[in-house]
Amino acid sequence: MRYFFAAFPPPEILAPTVDLPDSLLDGFRPVPASNRHITLLFLGDGLQGRVDQVIAATSTLRFQSFGATIGACGVFASAAGAGVLWRTAGPKSAFQRLHEDLRARLAPVVSDLSFRPFVPHLTLGRWKPPRDIRDSGLLSTELPPVTFVVDQVRLVESRSGPDGPVYHTVAVVDAVD
């Protein structure tokens, strides 16, 4: 089981999000609309016996709801090519504040938090194996922005299933307004 904190846009506003050219469909596994989220803090799989501590540490989290926008496409890539297709999530400053607040509250409880740079995004899918998309024009495609209100943060448990990850909401922190 893996755990993460996330904001979930309403699934009905997220489909369709981007049309891939036929040349990029091979090996692409889309994330179902109901699983699309903006990860605020990834906790990993080492929480056995500490989930209650995580919930307690974040029970006093306070934030104002805010308008969010899903924007342009991006990718996480390696030397082998693009592995993850995503869309930007903003405003970055609002998501960054939540990320930093969660990290500060959880540092005493979860000692092995990832220190990767925080890039607020909504994952659309993954290529297995990674793909070379440089000549596809995908990253320069104009997409209409999608807006929604972030009014809660969820602690999510992710379990592997035969058709991909299955998410279960463990705890919810609502905005205070």
N, C-alpha and C. Protein backbone atom coordinates (compact mmCIF):
# COMPACT_ATOMS: atom_id res chain seq x y z
N MET A 1 0.83 -1.18 0.00
CA MET A 1 0.00 0.00 0.00
C MET A 1 0.88 1.24 0.00
N ARG A 2 0.47 2.19 -0.82
CA ARG A 2 1.16 3.47 -0.88
C ARG A 2 0.18 4.55 -0.43
N TYR A 3 0.72 5.64 0.12
CA TYR A 3 -0.12 6.72 0.63
C TYR A 3 0.34 8.05 0.05
N PHE A 4 -0.63 8.94 -0.13
CA PHE A 4 -0.31 10.29 -0.58
C PHE A 4 -1.45 11.23 -0.19
N PHE A 5 -1.12 12.51 -0.10
CA PHE A 5 -2.13 13.56 0.08
C PHE A 5 -2.38 14.18 -1.29
N ALA A 6 -3.66 14.46 -1.60
CA ALA A 6 -3.99 14.98 -2.92
C ALA A 6 -5.25 15.82 -2.89
N ALA A 7 -5.36 16.64 -3.94
CA ALA A 7 -6.59 17.36 -4.25
C ALA A 7 -7.17 16.70 -5.49
N PHE A 8 -8.48 16.41 -5.45
CA PHE A 8 -9.14 15.72 -6.56
C PHE A 8 -10.12 16.66 -7.25
N PRO A 9 -9.87 16.98 -8.52
CA PRO A 9 -10.88 17.72 -9.28
C PRO A 9 -12.09 16.81 -9.51
N PRO A 10 -13.27 17.38 -9.71
CA PRO A 10 -14.43 16.53 -10.03
C PRO A 10 -14.16 15.75 -11.32
N PRO A 11 -14.34 14.43 -11.33
CA PRO A 11 -14.02 13.62 -12.52
C PRO A 11 -14.75 14.08 -13.79
N GLU A 12 -15.97 14.59 -13.64
CA GLU A 12 -16.74 14.95 -14.83
C GLU A 12 -16.15 16.12 -15.60
N ILE A 13 -15.30 16.93 -14.98
CA ILE A 13 -14.70 18.05 -15.71
C ILE A 13 -13.41 17.67 -16.41
N LEU A 14 -12.93 16.45 -16.21
CA LEU A 14 -11.61 16.09 -16.71
C LEU A 14 -11.61 15.23 -17.96
N ALA A 15 -12.73 14.91 -18.50
CA ALA A 15 -12.72 14.05 -19.68
C ALA A 15 -13.45 14.75 -20.82
N PRO A 16 -12.90 14.75 -22.01
CA PRO A 16 -11.53 14.35 -22.33
C PRO A 16 -10.56 15.48 -21.99
N THR A 17 -9.31 15.14 -21.78
CA THR A 17 -8.34 16.16 -21.44
C THR A 17 -7.36 16.43 -22.57
N VAL A 18 -7.01 15.44 -23.32
CA VAL A 18 -6.08 15.64 -24.44
C VAL A 18 -6.25 14.48 -25.42
N ASP A 19 -6.21 14.78 -26.69
CA ASP A 19 -6.26 13.74 -27.72
C ASP A 19 -4.83 13.46 -28.16
N LEU A 20 -4.41 12.22 -28.01
CA LEU A 20 -3.07 11.85 -28.44
C LEU A 20 -3.08 11.46 -29.91
N PRO A 21 -2.03 11.85 -30.65
CA PRO A 21 -1.92 11.36 -32.02
C PRO A 21 -1.77 9.84 -32.01
N ASP A 22 -2.25 9.19 -33.06
CA ASP A 22 -2.16 7.72 -33.14
C ASP A 22 -0.75 7.21 -32.89
N SER A 23 0.25 7.98 -33.33
CA SER A 23 1.64 7.55 -33.18
C SER A 23 2.07 7.44 -31.72
N LEU A 24 1.31 8.06 -30.78
CA LEU A 24 1.68 8.02 -29.37
C LEU A 24 0.79 7.11 -28.53
N LEU A 25 -0.18 6.46 -29.15
CA LEU A 25 -1.11 5.62 -28.38
C LEU A 25 -0.49 4.30 -27.94
N ASP A 26 0.45 3.78 -28.71
CA ASP A 26 1.06 2.49 -28.39
C ASP A 26 1.79 2.57 -27.04
N GLY A 27 1.41 1.74 -26.10
CA GLY A 27 2.05 1.70 -24.79
C GLY A 27 1.56 2.75 -23.81
N PHE A 28 0.58 3.57 -24.22
CA PHE A 28 0.08 4.61 -23.31
C PHE A 28 -1.05 4.05 -22.47
N ARG A 29 -0.93 4.22 -21.16
CA ARG A 29 -1.98 3.79 -20.23
C ARG A 29 -2.57 5.02 -19.56
N PRO A 30 -3.80 5.40 -19.95
CA PRO A 30 -4.41 6.59 -19.34
C PRO A 30 -4.84 6.33 -17.90
N VAL A 31 -4.79 7.38 -17.11
CA VAL A 31 -5.30 7.33 -15.75
C VAL A 31 -6.81 7.55 -15.84
N PRO A 32 -7.63 6.67 -15.24
CA PRO A 32 -9.08 6.90 -15.27
C PRO A 32 -9.43 8.26 -14.65
N ALA A 33 -10.44 8.93 -15.19
CA ALA A 33 -10.81 10.26 -14.71
C ALA A 33 -11.05 10.26 -13.20
N SER A 34 -11.63 9.20 -12.65
CA SER A 34 -11.93 9.16 -11.21
C SER A 34 -10.66 9.07 -10.35
N ASN A 35 -9.52 8.72 -10.94
CA ASN A 35 -8.26 8.63 -10.20
C ASN A 35 -7.36 9.84 -10.42
N ARG A 36 -7.74 10.75 -11.29
CA ARG A 36 -6.88 11.90 -11.58
C ARG A 36 -6.90 12.87 -10.41
N HIS A 37 -5.72 13.28 -10.01
CA HIS A 37 -5.57 14.12 -8.82
C HIS A 37 -4.29 14.94 -8.92
N ILE A 38 -4.16 15.90 -8.04
CA ILE A 38 -2.93 16.66 -7.89
C ILE A 38 -2.28 16.18 -6.60
N THR A 39 -1.18 15.47 -6.71
CA THR A 39 -0.48 14.99 -5.52
C THR A 39 0.14 16.18 -4.80
N LEU A 40 -0.19 16.32 -3.53
CA LEU A 40 0.37 17.38 -2.71
C LEU A 40 1.60 16.91 -1.94
N LEU A 41 1.57 15.65 -1.52
CA LEU A 41 2.72 15.07 -0.84
C LEU A 41 2.62 13.56 -0.92
N PHE A 42 3.67 12.95 -1.48
CA PHE A 42 3.73 11.49 -1.59
C PHE A 42 4.42 10.94 -0.35
N LEU A 43 3.76 9.99 0.30
CA LEU A 43 4.30 9.42 1.55
C LEU A 43 4.95 8.07 1.35
N GLY A 44 4.65 7.40 0.25
CA GLY A 44 5.27 6.11 -0.03
C GLY A 44 4.56 4.95 0.62
N ASP A 45 5.30 3.87 0.79
CA ASP A 45 4.69 2.63 1.28
C ASP A 45 5.18 2.23 2.66
N GLY A 46 5.84 3.11 3.37
CA GLY A 46 6.39 2.75 4.67
C GLY A 46 5.58 3.24 5.85
N LEU A 47 4.26 3.33 5.72
CA LEU A 47 3.45 3.88 6.81
C LEU A 47 2.81 2.84 7.71
N GLN A 48 3.08 1.59 7.51
CA GLN A 48 2.45 0.56 8.33
C GLN A 48 2.57 0.92 9.81
N GLY A 49 1.40 0.98 10.46
CA GLY A 49 1.37 1.28 11.88
C GLY A 49 1.45 2.76 12.21
N ARG A 50 1.59 3.64 11.19
CA ARG A 50 1.70 5.07 11.46
C ARG A 50 0.59 5.89 10.80
N VAL A 51 -0.37 5.27 10.20
CA VAL A 51 -1.44 6.01 9.52
C VAL A 51 -2.20 6.88 10.52
N ASP A 52 -2.49 6.36 11.70
CA ASP A 52 -3.18 7.17 12.72
C ASP A 52 -2.34 8.39 13.12
N GLN A 53 -1.03 8.23 13.18
CA GLN A 53 -0.15 9.36 13.50
C GLN A 53 -0.19 10.41 12.38
N VAL A 54 -0.23 9.96 11.15
CA VAL A 54 -0.31 10.88 10.01
C VAL A 54 -1.62 11.66 10.06
N ILE A 55 -2.71 10.96 10.33
CA ILE A 55 -4.02 11.62 10.43
C ILE A 55 -4.00 12.65 11.57
N ALA A 56 -3.46 12.28 12.71
CA ALA A 56 -3.41 13.20 13.85
C ALA A 56 -2.55 14.42 13.53
N ALA A 57 -1.42 14.21 12.87
CA ALA A 57 -0.51 15.32 12.56
C ALA A 57 -1.12 16.32 11.58
N THR A 58 -2.05 15.86 10.77
CA THR A 58 -2.65 16.75 9.77
C THR A 58 -4.07 17.17 10.12
N SER A 59 -4.57 16.74 11.25
CA SER A 59 -5.96 17.06 11.62
C SER A 59 -6.17 18.55 11.87
N THR A 60 -5.10 19.27 12.17
CA THR A 60 -5.23 20.71 12.40
C THR A 60 -4.81 21.55 11.18
N LEU A 61 -4.64 20.89 10.05
CA LEU A 61 -4.32 21.61 8.81
C LEU A 61 -5.45 22.58 8.50
N ARG A 62 -5.10 23.82 8.24
CA ARG A 62 -6.10 24.85 7.91
C ARG A 62 -5.69 25.51 6.60
N PHE A 63 -6.65 25.60 5.66
CA PHE A 63 -6.39 26.30 4.42
C PHE A 63 -7.70 26.86 3.89
N GLN A 64 -7.58 27.92 3.13
CA GLN A 64 -8.75 28.52 2.47
C GLN A 64 -8.94 27.82 1.13
N SER A 65 -10.20 27.59 0.76
CA SER A 65 -10.45 27.03 -0.57
C SER A 65 -9.92 28.02 -1.61
N PHE A 66 -9.57 27.51 -2.77
CA PHE A 66 -9.05 28.37 -3.82
C PHE A 66 -9.41 27.80 -5.19
N GLY A 67 -9.48 28.71 -6.15
CA GLY A 67 -9.73 28.31 -7.52
C GLY A 67 -8.45 27.77 -8.14
N ALA A 68 -8.57 26.64 -8.81
CA ALA A 68 -7.42 26.00 -9.44
C ALA A 68 -7.68 25.86 -10.94
N THR A 69 -6.60 25.80 -11.69
CA THR A 69 -6.68 25.66 -13.14
C THR A 69 -5.76 24.55 -13.60
N ILE A 70 -6.30 23.67 -14.43
CA ILE A 70 -5.50 22.65 -15.11
C ILE A 70 -5.14 23.24 -16.46
N GLY A 71 -3.83 23.30 -16.78
CA GLY A 71 -3.39 24.01 -17.98
C GLY A 71 -2.67 23.15 -19.00
N ALA A 72 -1.50 23.58 -19.38
CA ALA A 72 -0.74 23.01 -20.48
C ALA A 72 -0.21 21.61 -20.18
N CYS A 73 0.13 20.89 -21.24
CA CYS A 73 0.72 19.56 -21.10
C CYS A 73 2.20 19.66 -20.76
N GLY A 74 2.67 18.65 -20.04
CA GLY A 74 4.08 18.49 -19.75
C GLY A 74 4.38 17.01 -19.63
N VAL A 75 5.64 16.68 -19.51
CA VAL A 75 6.04 15.28 -19.34
C VAL A 75 7.15 15.18 -18.30
N PHE A 76 7.19 14.05 -17.63
CA PHE A 76 8.36 13.67 -16.86
C PHE A 76 9.09 12.68 -17.75
N ALA A 77 10.37 12.96 -18.00
CA ALA A 77 11.11 12.15 -18.96
C ALA A 77 12.45 11.73 -18.39
N SER A 78 13.01 10.73 -19.03
CA SER A 78 14.36 10.27 -18.72
C SER A 78 15.10 10.19 -20.05
N ALA A 79 16.31 9.67 -20.01
CA ALA A 79 17.07 9.51 -21.25
C ALA A 79 16.35 8.59 -22.23
N ALA A 80 15.50 7.71 -21.70
CA ALA A 80 14.76 6.77 -22.56
C ALA A 80 13.57 7.41 -23.25
N GLY A 81 13.14 8.58 -22.77
CA GLY A 81 11.99 9.25 -23.37
C GLY A 81 10.99 9.65 -22.32
N ALA A 82 9.82 10.11 -22.80
CA ALA A 82 8.75 10.55 -21.91
C ALA A 82 8.10 9.34 -21.26
N GLY A 83 7.92 9.40 -19.94
CA GLY A 83 7.28 8.31 -19.22
C GLY A 83 5.91 8.68 -18.70
N VAL A 84 5.74 9.95 -18.33
CA VAL A 84 4.48 10.40 -17.72
C VAL A 84 4.00 11.65 -18.45
N LEU A 85 2.73 11.62 -18.87
CA LEU A 85 2.10 12.79 -19.48
C LEU A 85 1.20 13.45 -18.44
N TRP A 86 1.32 14.78 -18.30
CA TRP A 86 0.55 15.49 -17.28
C TRP A 86 0.15 16.85 -17.80
N ARG A 87 -0.74 17.50 -17.04
CA ARG A 87 -1.10 18.90 -17.28
C ARG A 87 -0.76 19.71 -16.04
N THR A 88 -0.33 20.94 -16.24
CA THR A 88 0.03 21.79 -15.12
C THR A 88 -1.18 22.05 -14.23
N ALA A 89 -0.92 22.31 -12.95
CA ALA A 89 -1.97 22.66 -12.00
C ALA A 89 -1.53 23.94 -11.30
N GLY A 90 -2.42 24.90 -11.25
CA GLY A 90 -2.08 26.17 -10.62
C GLY A 90 -3.28 26.74 -9.88
N PRO A 91 -3.10 27.75 -9.10
CA PRO A 91 -1.86 28.51 -8.99
C PRO A 91 -0.80 27.75 -8.19
N LYS A 92 0.41 27.77 -8.71
CA LYS A 92 1.49 27.01 -8.08
C LYS A 92 1.67 27.42 -6.62
N SER A 93 1.55 28.73 -6.34
CA SER A 93 1.78 29.20 -4.97
C SER A 93 0.80 28.58 -3.97
N ALA A 94 -0.46 28.41 -4.35
CA ALA A 94 -1.45 27.81 -3.44
C ALA A 94 -1.15 26.33 -3.19
N PHE A 95 -0.83 25.61 -4.28
CA PHE A 95 -0.47 24.19 -4.11
C PHE A 95 0.84 24.05 -3.34
N GLN A 96 1.79 24.95 -3.59
CA GLN A 96 3.07 24.91 -2.89
C GLN A 96 2.87 25.11 -1.38
N ARG A 97 1.99 26.06 -0.99
CA ARG A 97 1.72 26.28 0.44
C ARG A 97 1.18 25.01 1.09
N LEU A 98 0.22 24.34 0.44
CA LEU A 98 -0.31 23.10 1.00
C LEU A 98 0.78 22.04 1.11
N HIS A 99 1.58 21.92 0.07
CA HIS A 99 2.68 20.95 0.08
C HIS A 99 3.62 21.20 1.26
N GLU A 100 4.04 22.45 1.42
CA GLU A 100 4.98 22.79 2.50
C GLU A 100 4.37 22.61 3.87
N ASP A 101 3.09 22.96 4.02
CA ASP A 101 2.42 22.79 5.31
C ASP A 101 2.32 21.31 5.67
N LEU A 102 1.92 20.49 4.70
CA LEU A 102 1.85 19.04 4.95
C LEU A 102 3.23 18.48 5.30
N ARG A 103 4.24 18.88 4.55
CA ARG A 103 5.61 18.39 4.80
C ARG A 103 6.06 18.76 6.21
N ALA A 104 5.82 19.99 6.63
CA ALA A 104 6.24 20.43 7.97
C ALA A 104 5.51 19.65 9.06
N ARG A 105 4.22 19.42 8.89
CA ARG A 105 3.45 18.69 9.90
C ARG A 105 3.86 17.22 9.98
N LEU A 106 4.27 16.65 8.84
CA LEU A 106 4.55 15.22 8.80
C LEU A 106 6.01 14.85 9.00
N ALA A 107 6.91 15.82 8.95
CA ALA A 107 8.33 15.51 9.12
C ALA A 107 8.63 14.74 10.41
N PRO A 108 8.00 15.06 11.54
CA PRO A 108 8.27 14.28 12.75
C PRO A 108 7.73 12.85 12.70
N VAL A 109 6.77 12.60 11.83
CA VAL A 109 6.11 11.29 11.78
C VAL A 109 6.67 10.41 10.65
N VAL A 110 6.94 11.01 9.51
CA VAL A 110 7.40 10.28 8.33
C VAL A 110 8.79 10.80 7.99
N SER A 111 9.81 10.06 8.41
CA SER A 111 11.18 10.54 8.27
C SER A 111 11.73 10.43 6.85
N ASP A 112 11.10 9.65 6.00
CA ASP A 112 11.65 9.42 4.66
C ASP A 112 10.81 10.08 3.57
N LEU A 113 10.38 11.32 3.80
CA LEU A 113 9.62 12.05 2.78
C LEU A 113 10.52 12.34 1.59
N SER A 114 9.95 12.27 0.41
CA SER A 114 10.68 12.56 -0.82
C SER A 114 11.09 14.03 -0.85
N PHE A 115 12.28 14.30 -1.33
CA PHE A 115 12.74 15.68 -1.47
C PHE A 115 12.84 16.09 -2.93
N ARG A 116 12.06 15.44 -3.78
CA ARG A 116 12.01 15.86 -5.18
C ARG A 116 11.37 17.23 -5.26
N PRO A 117 11.77 18.01 -6.26
CA PRO A 117 11.10 19.32 -6.42
C PRO A 117 9.60 19.11 -6.62
N PHE A 118 8.81 19.96 -6.01
CA PHE A 118 7.36 19.87 -6.11
C PHE A 118 6.89 20.53 -7.40
N VAL A 119 6.21 19.77 -8.23
CA VAL A 119 5.65 20.26 -9.49
C VAL A 119 4.16 19.93 -9.48
N PRO A 120 3.29 20.91 -9.16
CA PRO A 120 1.86 20.60 -9.13
C PRO A 120 1.36 20.25 -10.53
N HIS A 121 0.79 19.06 -10.63
CA HIS A 121 0.35 18.57 -11.94
C HIS A 121 -0.74 17.52 -11.76
N LEU A 122 -1.43 17.26 -12.86
CA LEU A 122 -2.47 16.24 -12.91
C LEU A 122 -2.00 15.21 -13.94
N THR A 123 -1.71 13.98 -13.49
CA THR A 123 -1.21 12.95 -14.39
C THR A 123 -2.34 12.43 -15.27
N LEU A 124 -2.07 12.40 -16.57
CA LEU A 124 -3.04 11.89 -17.55
C LEU A 124 -2.79 10.43 -17.90
N GLY A 125 -1.53 10.02 -17.85
CA GLY A 125 -1.21 8.63 -18.18
C GLY A 125 0.28 8.41 -18.25
N ARG A 126 0.63 7.16 -18.54
CA ARG A 126 2.04 6.76 -18.58
C ARG A 126 2.30 5.93 -19.83
N TRP A 127 3.52 6.12 -20.36
CA TRP A 127 3.97 5.27 -21.45
C TRP A 127 4.89 4.21 -20.88
N LYS A 128 4.63 2.96 -21.27
CA LYS A 128 5.51 1.85 -20.93
C LYS A 128 5.75 1.07 -22.20
N PRO A 129 6.95 1.08 -22.72
CA PRO A 129 8.13 1.81 -22.27
C PRO A 129 8.02 3.30 -22.61
N PRO A 130 8.93 4.13 -22.04
CA PRO A 130 8.90 5.57 -22.35
C PRO A 130 9.01 5.81 -23.86
N ARG A 131 8.46 6.96 -24.29
CA ARG A 131 8.39 7.28 -25.72
C ARG A 131 9.13 8.57 -26.04
N ASP A 132 9.66 8.64 -27.24
CA ASP A 132 10.24 9.87 -27.75
C ASP A 132 9.10 10.68 -28.36
N ILE A 133 8.78 11.81 -27.75
CA ILE A 133 7.65 12.62 -28.24
C ILE A 133 8.11 13.97 -28.81
N ARG A 134 9.41 14.14 -28.96
CA ARG A 134 9.94 15.44 -29.36
C ARG A 134 9.33 15.98 -30.65
N ASP A 135 9.06 15.13 -31.62
CA ASP A 135 8.54 15.60 -32.91
C ASP A 135 7.02 15.50 -33.01
N SER A 136 6.34 15.21 -31.91
CA SER A 136 4.90 14.98 -31.96
C SER A 136 4.08 16.26 -31.94
N GLY A 137 4.65 17.35 -31.44
CA GLY A 137 3.89 18.59 -31.29
C GLY A 137 2.97 18.59 -30.08
N LEU A 138 2.99 17.51 -29.32
CA LEU A 138 2.08 17.36 -28.18
C LEU A 138 2.25 18.49 -27.16
N LEU A 139 3.48 18.84 -26.85
CA LEU A 139 3.71 19.82 -25.79
C LEU A 139 3.40 21.25 -26.22
N SER A 140 3.22 21.46 -27.50
CA SER A 140 2.86 22.80 -27.97
C SER A 140 1.37 22.90 -28.31
N THR A 141 0.62 21.83 -28.07
CA THR A 141 -0.81 21.83 -28.34
C THR A 141 -1.52 22.76 -27.37
N GLU A 142 -2.35 23.65 -27.91
CA GLU A 142 -3.15 24.57 -27.07
C GLU A 142 -4.34 23.80 -26.51
N LEU A 143 -4.46 23.77 -25.20
CA LEU A 143 -5.58 23.09 -24.54
C LEU A 143 -6.39 24.11 -23.76
N PRO A 144 -7.71 23.98 -23.78
CA PRO A 144 -8.50 24.91 -22.97
C PRO A 144 -8.26 24.62 -21.49
N PRO A 145 -8.14 25.68 -20.68
CA PRO A 145 -7.96 25.45 -19.25
C PRO A 145 -9.21 24.84 -18.63
N VAL A 146 -9.00 24.06 -17.61
CA VAL A 146 -10.09 23.46 -16.84
C VAL A 146 -10.00 24.02 -15.43
N THR A 147 -11.09 24.57 -14.91
CA THR A 147 -11.05 25.18 -13.59
C THR A 147 -11.94 24.41 -12.61
N PHE A 148 -11.56 24.48 -11.35
CA PHE A 148 -12.33 23.86 -10.27
C PHE A 148 -11.90 24.50 -8.96
N VAL A 149 -12.60 24.20 -7.89
CA VAL A 149 -12.28 24.73 -6.57
C VAL A 149 -11.66 23.63 -5.72
N VAL A 150 -10.52 23.94 -5.12
CA VAL A 150 -9.88 23.03 -4.17
C VAL A 150 -10.47 23.38 -2.80
N ASP A 151 -11.32 22.49 -2.29
CA ASP A 151 -11.96 22.74 -1.01
C ASP A 151 -11.75 21.59 -0.02
N GLN A 152 -10.92 20.64 -0.41
CA GLN A 152 -10.54 19.59 0.52
C GLN A 152 -9.25 18.93 0.07
N VAL A 153 -8.57 18.35 1.04
CA VAL A 153 -7.35 17.58 0.82
C VAL A 153 -7.63 16.18 1.36
N ARG A 154 -7.24 15.18 0.59
CA ARG A 154 -7.49 13.80 1.01
C ARG A 154 -6.18 13.05 1.26
N LEU A 155 -6.18 12.24 2.30
CA LEU A 155 -5.14 11.23 2.48
C LEU A 155 -5.66 9.98 1.79
N VAL A 156 -4.88 9.47 0.84
CA VAL A 156 -5.34 8.36 0.00
C VAL A 156 -4.41 7.17 0.16
N GLU A 157 -5.03 6.00 0.24
CA GLU A 157 -4.31 4.73 0.21
C GLU A 157 -4.46 4.17 -1.19
N SER A 158 -3.36 3.78 -1.80
CA SER A 158 -3.37 3.21 -3.14
C SER A 158 -2.91 1.76 -3.07
N ARG A 159 -3.77 0.88 -3.59
CA ARG A 159 -3.43 -0.54 -3.64
C ARG A 159 -3.38 -0.98 -5.10
N SER A 160 -2.45 -1.84 -5.41
CA SER A 160 -2.37 -2.36 -6.78
C SER A 160 -3.53 -3.30 -7.05
N GLY A 161 -4.16 -3.10 -8.21
CA GLY A 161 -5.24 -3.97 -8.64
C GLY A 161 -4.95 -4.49 -10.03
N PRO A 162 -5.72 -5.46 -10.51
CA PRO A 162 -5.45 -6.03 -11.83
C PRO A 162 -5.59 -5.02 -12.97
N ASP A 163 -6.39 -3.98 -12.76
CA ASP A 163 -6.60 -2.96 -13.79
C ASP A 163 -5.93 -1.64 -13.45
N GLY A 164 -4.97 -1.66 -12.53
CA GLY A 164 -4.30 -0.44 -12.11
C GLY A 164 -4.58 -0.16 -10.66
N PRO A 165 -4.10 0.97 -10.16
CA PRO A 165 -4.27 1.26 -8.74
C PRO A 165 -5.73 1.50 -8.36
N VAL A 166 -6.05 1.07 -7.14
CA VAL A 166 -7.37 1.30 -6.56
C VAL A 166 -7.17 2.24 -5.38
N TYR A 167 -7.89 3.37 -5.40
CA TYR A 167 -7.73 4.39 -4.36
C TYR A 167 -8.82 4.27 -3.32
N HIS A 168 -8.41 4.49 -2.07
CA HIS A 168 -9.34 4.52 -0.95
C HIS A 168 -9.01 5.77 -0.12
N THR A 169 -9.98 6.64 0.09
CA THR A 169 -9.77 7.82 0.90
C THR A 169 -9.75 7.42 2.37
N VAL A 170 -8.66 7.72 3.04
CA VAL A 170 -8.47 7.37 4.45
C VAL A 170 -8.92 8.50 5.36
N ALA A 171 -8.64 9.75 4.95
CA ALA A 171 -9.01 10.92 5.76
C ALA A 171 -9.19 12.11 4.82
N VAL A 172 -10.02 13.06 5.28
CA VAL A 172 -10.30 14.27 4.51
C VAL A 172 -10.13 15.47 5.42
N VAL A 173 -9.45 16.50 4.88
CA VAL A 173 -9.35 17.78 5.57
C VAL A 173 -10.06 18.79 4.68
N ASP A 174 -11.11 19.39 5.22
CA ASP A 174 -11.89 20.38 4.47
C ASP A 174 -11.31 21.77 4.66
N ALA A 175 -11.49 22.61 3.64
CA ALA A 175 -11.10 24.02 3.75
C ALA A 175 -11.92 24.66 4.87
N VAL A 176 -11.40 25.74 5.43
CA VAL A 176 -12.02 26.35 6.60
C VAL A 176 -13.01 27.47 6.28
N ASP A 177 -13.25 27.79 5.00
CA ASP A 177 -14.15 28.89 4.72
C ASP A 177 -15.57 28.46 4.50
